[in-house]
Structures are given as structure tokens and as C-alpha cells.
Amino acid sequence: MGLIASGEIEVIPTPAKAGEHAVVLVTLATRDYGIKFRVKDAIHLFTATSWADNQGSTVRLANADGDFRRFLSRYSWPLMRYFKV
């Protein structure tokens, strides 16, 4: 908590309706491509995208999950202005 209080770690709020949007992405990924994209992955993606938009720049998105990368390779084209993988 001290690192948060000092500003060394910034807590990024989850975007509005992230849960509902996450379920839609998980359904698309599973139904269309059999990708095991999880709700937590979708919320990570929404939060990073929202943060990049608020910053007016791109952010580096890190995730070691192969299905997360597969999802991005199929669906990331509208999001590429926000992050680099």
C-alpha cells in the first residue's frame, strides 16, 4: 500500500461494463476460433486499452498466455493504435 500511496504504483480503474464486454469477447473467441480467451484476459485488454486512450499513447501489453496471443492475432486490428504486444 505504501508504493501506491507514494505514487510508485498506479492503480488503474476497470472500465465501465468491462464484465459485460468481456463475456462478449470470450464468446466470440470460443465460438469462432476455439480460443480459450478468459474473462480476466478480456478485462486486462480493456483496462490496457482504456489506459492507453487516457494517456493518448500506446502501452506495452504483456501476457504469457498463448491463447491471449492467439486472440490478439485474430481480433486486434481495431485495437492496435492503443498497444504493442
Protein backbone atom coordinates (compact mmCIF):
# COMPACT_ATOMS: atom_id res chain seq x y z
CA MET A 1 0.00 0.00 0.00
CA GLY A 2 2.95 2.28 0.61
CA LEU A 3 4.00 2.09 -3.04
CA ILE A 4 0.50 3.06 -4.11
CA ALA A 5 0.42 5.93 -1.60
CA SER A 6 3.80 7.19 -2.80
CA GLY A 7 2.71 7.09 -6.45
CA GLU A 8 5.27 4.46 -7.48
CA ILE A 9 2.41 2.11 -8.40
CA GLU A 10 -0.67 3.48 -10.12
CA VAL A 11 -3.96 1.61 -9.73
CA ILE A 12 -5.88 1.73 -13.00
CA PRO A 13 -9.66 1.51 -12.63
CA THR A 14 -11.55 -1.12 -14.60
CA PRO A 15 -13.55 0.48 -17.43
CA ALA A 16 -17.34 0.64 -17.10
CA LYS A 17 -19.19 -2.50 -18.18
CA ALA A 18 -15.91 -4.42 -18.54
CA GLY A 19 -17.55 -7.62 -17.32
CA GLU A 20 -20.32 -7.48 -19.92
CA HIS A 21 -17.89 -6.66 -22.72
CA ALA A 22 -15.55 -9.42 -21.56
CA VAL A 23 -18.28 -12.04 -21.85
CA VAL A 24 -18.92 -10.96 -25.47
CA LEU A 25 -15.23 -11.29 -26.40
CA VAL A 26 -14.91 -14.65 -24.66
CA THR A 27 -17.98 -15.92 -26.52
CA LEU A 28 -16.64 -14.72 -29.89
CA ALA A 29 -13.19 -16.21 -29.32
CA THR A 30 -14.56 -19.55 -28.18
CA ARG A 31 -17.31 -19.86 -30.78
CA ASP A 32 -15.40 -18.56 -33.80
CA TYR A 33 -11.91 -19.95 -33.23
CA GLY A 34 -11.92 -22.28 -30.22
CA ILE A 35 -9.58 -19.90 -28.38
CA LYS A 36 -9.59 -20.23 -24.58
CA PHE A 37 -9.75 -16.48 -24.02
CA ARG A 38 -10.79 -15.85 -20.41
CA VAL A 39 -12.76 -13.07 -18.76
CA LYS A 40 -9.67 -11.94 -16.82
CA ASP A 41 -7.75 -11.69 -20.11
CA ALA A 42 -10.50 -9.59 -21.67
CA ILE A 43 -10.62 -7.26 -18.67
CA HIS A 44 -6.81 -6.95 -18.83
CA LEU A 45 -7.17 -5.99 -22.50
CA PHE A 46 -9.96 -3.45 -21.81
CA THR A 47 -8.04 -1.87 -18.95
CA ALA A 48 -4.85 -1.55 -21.01
CA THR A 49 -6.76 -0.11 -23.95
CA SER A 50 -8.60 2.37 -21.76
CA TRP A 51 -5.35 3.41 -20.07
CA ALA A 52 -3.63 3.93 -23.43
CA ASP A 53 -6.56 6.01 -24.66
CA ASN A 54 -6.49 8.15 -21.50
CA GLN A 55 -2.72 8.63 -21.85
CA GLY A 56 -3.03 9.48 -25.54
CA SER A 57 -0.35 6.95 -26.42
CA THR A 58 0.35 3.25 -26.82
CA VAL A 59 1.17 0.95 -23.93
CA ARG A 60 3.13 -2.30 -23.93
CA LEU A 61 0.85 -5.23 -23.21
CA ALA A 62 2.49 -8.28 -21.61
CA ASN A 63 0.83 -11.66 -21.17
CA ALA A 64 2.46 -15.09 -21.36
CA ASP A 65 -0.77 -16.92 -22.23
CA GLY A 66 -0.68 -18.42 -25.74
CA ASP A 67 -4.46 -18.18 -26.13
CA PHE A 68 -4.28 -14.48 -25.29
CA ARG A 69 -1.81 -14.05 -28.16
CA ARG A 70 -3.99 -16.14 -30.46
CA PHE A 71 -6.95 -13.93 -29.61
CA LEU A 72 -4.97 -10.78 -30.39
CA SER A 73 -3.79 -12.20 -33.72
CA ARG A 74 -7.44 -12.74 -34.73
CA TYR A 75 -9.13 -9.68 -33.25
CA SER A 76 -6.55 -6.99 -32.51
CA TRP A 77 -6.73 -4.91 -35.69
CA PRO A 78 -9.12 -2.28 -34.25
CA LEU A 79 -7.05 -2.08 -31.06
CA MET A 80 -3.53 -1.73 -32.48
CA ARG A 81 -3.49 2.03 -32.10
CA TYR A 82 -3.53 1.54 -28.32
CA PHE A 83 -0.83 -1.02 -27.60
CA LYS A 84 2.17 -3.02 -28.72
CA VAL A 85 2.39 -6.70 -27.88
